[in-house]
Amino acid sequence: QVQLAESGGGLVQAGDSLRLSCARSGGTFSMYTVAWFRQALGKEREFVAVIRWNGGITYYADSVKGRFSISRDNAKNTMYLQMNSLKPEDSAVYYCAAGVILSGRDYSRLSAYDYWGQGTQVTVSS
């Protein structure tokens, strides 16, 4: 059973940077595709970024492309989301997720992921 725990959220100003971490316990982390999603107040959870099990493939939502960077360290069982040039519209609860995903068409689908963390709040003030 894989368990995920996010950390690194907080309150920052527009233009600042944050790095989120997602630590894994249980299971074999390196087997999974892992991703970040976010959910703003009153909105649906949306895809942010994904990285394949070997780190060779990454994919980003258009809204964060060029500002966010996803990475993973399988030896440390940890995934990261470096967020630069933050905007107020990036404010949300950020969740990490893990799943065995075979098709790139499924990267952004919530239902494709088997394991989720509890989330970490990111608030960006203008």
Foldseek 3Di string as FASTA:
>chain_A
DKAKAKDWADEEAAQAKTKMKIAIDDDQLLQKKKFKWWDAPPGDIWGAKIAHSVRPDIDGDPVQPPFWDKGDDSVRRMIMIIGGRDDQVVWTWMKMFIANDDDPVCRTPPVRTDYMYPTDTHGYHD
